[in-house]
């Protein structure tokens, strides 16, 4: 690897890890060597790229802009290397943004199989129930659940699953089992990130739509919290099957109104706009299309 390419890869890792020492460990260099290479890169560029303090390392405005531009170059080089090798071997790093609940419940269990196929690849999962800025975070592919916002990014449909409503046996014993969507007006909703009682819950059966609005005393910003509240008997929750599969299997939650359908929930792989998708990002999405439980 020539000096400039090493400097670019090193700067990218320093920027993403926020640490000279972490980048040094990743590339098997000493911390003084990293500091020297970054300083030489700044001199070559003619601008300060990072701000160093005793407590933190941050990018300057010039550094943030430089990072965005060189990541596209590094991704293109990775693509060229991959094509030249003429094989399915993947190397380098893959950064995936996704929600915490979906990641823990569905994606992490699938990772061993993917990593076993690609032993030279390192994967970073950026889990958050707040949608990440894919450009700022250096994300290679984001897994988005639900409707996609307008974007210049390329999206690939990975799969879809049912949305449903559920409650705990204890809650149903105390409040009764609803037999129609209209019965839900006598129940309490747990408002989670996948649905709000203010907008109402819409059900379909035999070409007929019915929307009901429930009162709520609890609003939870993450799916895990909403499902946990339902298990604790605090009300009725709506979520994708992915969000409560284990609770339904164990009997901690019971699906309500199984004869009435709600809109399916889609998950897409969203590639970061403005750059060619990494081979590893494309391969990961293809793997999920094949392996993700429906």
Protein backbone atom coordinates (compact mmCIF):
# COMPACT_ATOMS: atom_id res chain seq x y z
CA UNK A 1 0.00 0.00 0.00
CA UNK A 2 1.53 3.34 -1.02
CA UNK A 3 1.93 6.15 1.51
CA UNK A 4 -1.00 8.27 0.29
CA UNK A 5 -3.44 5.37 0.23
CA UNK A 6 -2.33 4.31 3.70
CA UNK A 7 -2.82 7.88 4.91
CA UNK A 8 -6.34 8.01 3.46
CA UNK A 9 -7.36 4.69 5.00
CA UNK A 10 -5.82 5.73 8.29
CA UNK A 11 -7.59 9.10 8.30
CA UNK A 12 -10.91 7.37 7.60
CA UNK A 13 -10.42 5.03 10.57
CA UNK A 14 -9.26 7.86 12.85
CA UNK A 15 -12.36 9.85 11.89
CA UNK A 16 -14.76 6.96 12.39
CA UNK A 17 -13.26 5.63 15.64
CA UNK A 18 -12.51 9.10 17.03
CA UNK A 19 -9.18 7.81 18.27
CA UNK A 20 -5.59 7.59 17.09
CA UNK A 21 -4.99 4.55 19.28
CA UNK A 22 -8.03 2.65 17.98
CA UNK A 23 -7.03 3.31 14.38
CA UNK A 24 -3.47 2.26 15.20
CA UNK A 25 -4.68 -1.07 16.58
CA UNK A 26 -6.87 -1.72 13.53
CA UNK A 27 -4.00 -1.14 11.09
CA UNK A 28 -1.29 -2.63 13.30
CA UNK A 29 0.64 0.62 13.71
CA UNK A 30 1.99 2.49 16.69
CA UNK A 31 0.12 5.54 17.93
CA UNK A 32 3.09 7.87 17.23
CA UNK A 33 3.14 6.55 13.66
CA UNK A 34 -0.53 7.34 13.24
CA UNK A 35 -0.06 10.86 14.56
CA UNK A 36 2.89 11.42 12.23
CA UNK A 37 1.01 10.11 9.15
CA UNK A 38 -2.05 12.23 9.84
CA UNK A 39 0.11 15.31 10.38
CA UNK A 40 1.87 14.63 7.06
CA UNK A 41 -1.51 14.22 5.34
CA UNK A 42 -2.68 17.57 6.71
CA UNK A 43 0.49 19.20 5.45
CA UNK A 44 0.02 17.59 2.04
CA UNK A 45 -3.65 18.69 1.86
CA UNK A 46 -2.84 22.15 3.18
CA UNK A 47 -5.55 22.20 5.84
CA UNK A 48 -6.13 21.00 9.38
CA UNK A 49 -8.35 17.90 9.27
CA UNK A 50 -8.67 17.03 12.95
CA UNK A 51 -8.75 18.97 16.18
CA UNK A 52 -6.89 17.29 19.02
CA UNK A 53 -7.56 17.93 22.70
CA UNK A 54 -6.66 15.98 25.81
CA UNK A 55 -10.20 14.58 25.95
CA UNK A 56 -11.41 14.21 22.39
CA UNK A 57 -10.55 14.15 18.72
CA UNK A 58 -12.97 15.86 16.34
CA UNK A 59 -12.99 16.69 12.66
CA UNK A 60 -12.67 20.23 11.41
CA UNK A 61 -15.15 21.38 8.78
CA UNK A 62 -12.47 20.72 6.16
CA UNK A 63 -11.87 17.28 7.69
CA UNK A 64 -15.55 16.35 7.57
CA UNK A 65 -15.80 17.35 3.92
CA UNK A 66 -12.53 15.54 3.11
CA UNK A 67 -13.82 12.38 4.81
CA UNK A 68 -17.00 12.32 2.72
CA UNK A 69 -15.00 12.67 -0.49
CA UNK A 70 -12.29 10.10 0.26
CA UNK A 71 -14.77 7.48 1.45
CA UNK A 72 -16.24 7.44 -2.05
CA UNK A 73 -12.71 6.94 -3.41
CA UNK A 74 -11.93 4.16 -0.93
CA UNK A 75 -15.21 2.40 -1.73
CA UNK A 76 -14.43 2.58 -5.46
CA UNK A 77 -10.97 1.12 -4.84
CA UNK A 78 -12.48 -1.68 -2.81
CA UNK A 79 -14.90 -2.42 -5.65
CA UNK A 80 -12.01 -2.47 -8.15
CA UNK A 81 -10.00 -4.84 -5.96
CA UNK A 82 -13.02 -7.10 -5.55
CA UNK A 83 -13.64 -7.28 -9.30
CA UNK A 84 -9.95 -7.87 -10.03
CA UNK A 85 -9.81 -10.78 -7.60
CA UNK A 86 -12.67 -12.35 -9.52
CA UNK A 87 -13.98 -14.11 -6.43
CA UNK A 88 -16.59 -13.79 -3.68
CA UNK A 89 -13.92 -12.97 -1.11
CA UNK A 90 -14.78 -9.82 0.84
CA UNK A 91 -12.32 -7.77 2.86
CA UNK A 92 -12.16 -4.56 4.84
CA UNK A 93 -14.95 -3.12 6.95
CA UNK A 94 -18.73 -2.94 6.64
CA UNK A 95 -20.76 -0.41 8.64
CA UNK A 96 -24.46 -1.21 9.01
CA UNK A 97 -27.02 1.14 10.57
CA UNK A 98 -30.18 -0.41 12.01
CA UNK A 99 -32.67 -0.22 14.84
CA UNK A 100 -31.63 -1.78 18.13
CA UNK A 101 -34.62 -4.09 18.48
CA UNK A 102 -34.45 -5.41 14.92
CA UNK A 103 -30.69 -5.79 15.21
CA UNK A 104 -30.73 -7.77 18.45
CA UNK A 105 -33.74 -9.91 17.58
CA UNK A 106 -33.18 -10.70 13.90
CA UNK A 107 -29.81 -9.56 12.53
CA UNK A 108 -27.31 -10.59 15.20
CA UNK A 109 -28.47 -14.24 15.11
CA UNK A 110 -27.79 -14.26 11.36
CA UNK A 111 -24.30 -12.73 11.59
CA UNK A 112 -22.31 -15.91 12.37
CA UNK A 113 -23.30 -17.43 9.04
CA UNK A 114 -22.39 -14.29 7.10
CA UNK A 115 -19.03 -13.83 8.83
CA UNK A 116 -18.19 -17.51 8.38
CA UNK A 117 -18.52 -17.00 4.63
CA UNK A 118 -16.29 -13.92 4.71
CA UNK A 119 -13.55 -14.42 7.34
CA UNK A 120 -11.55 -11.37 6.20
CA UNK A 121 -14.46 -8.94 6.67
CA UNK A 122 -15.09 -6.84 9.79
CA UNK A 123 -18.65 -5.70 10.53
CA UNK A 124 -19.73 -2.75 12.68
CA UNK A 125 -23.41 -2.56 13.69
CA UNK A 126 -24.57 0.97 14.53
CA UNK A 127 -27.72 0.23 16.53
CA UNK A 128 -30.07 3.06 17.35
CA UNK A 129 -33.82 3.57 17.32
CA UNK A 130 -33.15 7.07 15.97
CA UNK A 131 -32.41 7.10 12.26
CA UNK A 132 -28.72 7.73 11.72
CA UNK A 133 -27.21 10.20 9.28
CA UNK A 134 -25.65 7.68 6.91
CA UNK A 135 -23.20 10.15 5.39
CA UNK A 136 -22.04 11.58 8.70
CA UNK A 137 -21.68 8.14 10.29
CA UNK A 138 -19.90 6.61 7.30
CA UNK A 139 -22.62 3.96 6.90
CA UNK A 140 -22.33 1.51 4.02
CA UNK A 141 -25.89 0.21 4.24
CA UNK A 142 -28.83 1.12 6.49
CA UNK A 143 -31.61 -1.32 7.28
CA UNK A 144 -34.80 0.71 7.33
CA UNK A 145 -38.11 -0.61 8.62
CA UNK A 146 -41.33 0.93 7.37
CA UNK A 147 -42.00 3.55 4.74
CA UNK A 148 -38.91 5.13 3.19
CA UNK A 149 -38.51 8.89 3.21
CA UNK A 150 -37.71 10.57 -0.08
CA UNK A 151 -34.05 10.00 -0.72
CA UNK A 152 -31.49 9.91 -3.48
CA UNK A 153 -30.16 6.69 -2.00
CA UNK A 154 -30.60 3.34 -3.73
CA UNK A 155 -32.89 0.98 -1.82
CA UNK A 156 -33.35 -2.79 -2.06
CA UNK A 157 -36.37 -4.55 -0.59
CA UNK A 158 -35.12 -7.21 1.82
CA UNK A 159 -38.43 -8.56 3.05
CA UNK A 160 -41.76 -7.87 4.66
CA UNK A 161 -43.65 -9.23 7.60
CA UNK A 162 -47.05 -8.84 9.22
CA UNK A 163 -48.00 -6.09 11.61
CA UNK A 164 -50.15 -7.30 14.45
CA UNK A 165 -51.57 -6.34 17.82
CA UNK A 166 -50.94 -8.27 21.00
CA UNK A 167 -51.44 -8.20 24.76
CA UNK A 168 -50.45 -10.31 27.75
CA UNK A 169 -52.62 -13.08 29.20
CA UNK A 170 -52.90 -11.13 32.48
CA UNK A 171 -54.12 -8.00 30.69
CA UNK A 172 -56.68 -9.98 28.69
CA UNK A 173 -57.90 -11.78 31.83
CA UNK A 174 -58.55 -8.42 33.47
CA UNK A 175 -59.94 -6.58 30.43
CA UNK A 176 -61.43 -9.22 28.15
CA UNK A 177 -60.54 -10.57 24.72
CA UNK A 178 -61.56 -8.25 21.84
CA UNK A 179 -63.48 -10.04 19.11
CA UNK A 180 -63.68 -7.18 16.59
CA UNK A 181 -61.59 -4.01 15.99
CA UNK A 182 -64.47 -2.01 17.45
CA UNK A 183 -63.98 -3.79 20.78
CA UNK A 184 -60.52 -2.20 21.03
CA UNK A 185 -62.05 1.16 21.90
CA UNK A 186 -62.58 -0.24 25.39
CA UNK A 187 -58.89 -1.11 25.71
CA UNK A 188 -55.71 0.85 26.42
CA UNK A 189 -52.98 1.22 23.79
CA UNK A 190 -49.27 1.27 24.38
CA UNK A 191 -47.97 3.83 21.90
CA UNK A 192 -44.69 2.62 20.45
CA UNK A 193 -42.47 3.75 17.57
CA UNK A 194 -44.32 1.62 15.01
CA UNK A 195 -47.78 3.05 15.52
CA UNK A 196 -49.73 5.76 17.33
CA UNK A 197 -53.22 5.61 18.74
CA UNK A 198 -53.77 9.23 17.67
CA UNK A 199 -53.63 8.24 14.00
CA UNK A 200 -55.62 5.10 14.71
CA UNK A 201 -55.01 1.46 13.87
CA UNK A 202 -56.43 0.26 10.56
CA UNK A 203 -57.54 -3.31 9.96
CA UNK A 204 -58.71 -5.07 6.79
CA UNK A 205 -60.97 -8.09 6.33
CA UNK A 206 -62.68 -9.28 3.15
CA UNK A 207 -62.15 -5.93 1.43
CA UNK A 208 -63.47 -3.95 4.38
CA UNK A 209 -61.33 -1.39 6.24
CA UNK A 210 -61.91 -0.36 9.84
CA UNK A 211 -59.89 2.25 11.75
CA UNK A 212 -60.09 2.47 15.52
CA UNK A 213 -58.55 4.89 17.99
CA UNK A 214 -57.51 3.80 21.44
CA UNK A 215 -56.78 5.79 24.56
CA UNK A 216 -53.23 5.53 25.85
CA UNK A 217 -51.49 6.23 29.12
CA UNK A 218 -48.02 5.14 28.02
CA UNK A 219 -45.82 6.19 25.11
CA UNK A 220 -42.50 4.43 24.49
CA UNK A 221 -39.86 5.56 21.98
CA UNK A 222 -38.36 2.12 21.28
CA UNK A 223 -40.01 -1.13 20.27
CA UNK A 224 -38.34 -3.13 23.05
CA UNK A 225 -39.90 -0.87 25.66
CA UNK A 226 -43.35 -1.05 24.09
CA UNK A 227 -43.24 -4.86 23.89
CA UNK A 228 -41.94 -5.11 27.46
CA UNK A 229 -44.80 -2.89 28.63
CA UNK A 230 -47.29 -5.16 26.89
CA UNK A 231 -45.74 -8.22 28.54
CA UNK A 232 -46.09 -6.41 31.87
CA UNK A 233 -49.83 -6.12 31.26
CA UNK A 234 -50.02 -2.38 30.60
CA UNK A 235 -52.09 -2.53 27.44
CA UNK A 236 -52.35 -3.54 23.80
CA UNK A 237 -49.32 -3.01 21.53
CA UNK A 238 -48.94 -2.96 17.76
CA UNK A 239 -45.65 -4.12 16.28
CA UNK A 240 -44.20 -6.13 13.43
CA UNK A 241 -43.92 -9.88 13.88
CA UNK A 242 -40.14 -9.33 13.95
CA UNK A 243 -40.62 -7.24 17.09
CA UNK A 244 -42.45 -9.81 19.20
CA UNK A 245 -41.81 -13.23 17.66
CA UNK A 246 -40.24 -14.73 20.80
CA UNK A 247 -42.94 -13.36 23.12
CA UNK A 248 -45.67 -14.91 20.98
CA UNK A 249 -43.84 -18.24 20.91
CA UNK A 250 -43.41 -18.28 24.69
CA UNK A 251 -46.98 -17.22 25.42
CA UNK A 252 -45.91 -13.98 27.10
CA UNK A 253 -48.03 -12.19 24.48
CA UNK A 254 -51.13 -13.33 22.61
CA UNK A 255 -51.97 -12.08 19.13
CA UNK A 256 -55.35 -10.38 18.96
CA UNK A 257 -57.81 -10.38 16.06
CA UNK A 258 -55.77 -12.79 13.91
CA UNK A 259 -58.52 -12.81 11.25
CA UNK A 260 -58.09 -9.07 10.68
CA UNK A 261 -55.03 -7.90 8.73
CA UNK A 262 -52.93 -4.79 9.25
CA UNK A 263 -50.55 -3.35 6.69
CA UNK A 264 -47.37 -5.35 6.20
CA UNK A 265 -44.07 -3.91 7.42
CA UNK A 266 -41.22 -3.73 4.93
CA UNK A 267 -37.48 -3.65 5.55
CA UNK A 268 -35.15 -2.17 2.94
CA UNK A 269 -31.42 -2.05 2.55
CA UNK A 270 -30.58 1.60 1.90
CA UNK A 271 -27.20 2.30 0.32
CA UNK A 272 -25.55 5.61 1.12
CA UNK A 273 -26.17 8.16 -1.65
CA UNK A 274 -23.33 9.62 -3.64
CA UNK A 275 -21.13 6.56 -3.70
CA UNK A 276 -20.95 3.15 -5.31
CA UNK A 277 -22.24 0.52 -2.85
CA UNK A 278 -19.47 -1.60 -1.40
CA UNK A 279 -19.38 -5.23 -2.53
CA UNK A 280 -19.71 -6.22 1.12
CA UNK A 281 -22.83 -4.06 1.51
CA UNK A 282 -24.45 -5.63 -1.52
CA UNK A 283 -23.48 -9.11 -0.34
CA UNK A 284 -24.91 -8.46 3.13
CA UNK A 285 -28.25 -7.35 1.70
CA UNK A 286 -28.39 -10.41 -0.57
CA UNK A 287 -27.63 -12.62 2.43
CA UNK A 288 -30.47 -11.07 4.43
CA UNK A 289 -32.90 -11.48 1.52
CA UNK A 290 -32.15 -15.20 1.57
CA UNK A 291 -31.91 -15.78 5.32
CA UNK A 292 -34.17 -13.33 7.16
CA UNK A 293 -37.15 -15.14 8.72
CA UNK A 294 -40.51 -14.02 7.36
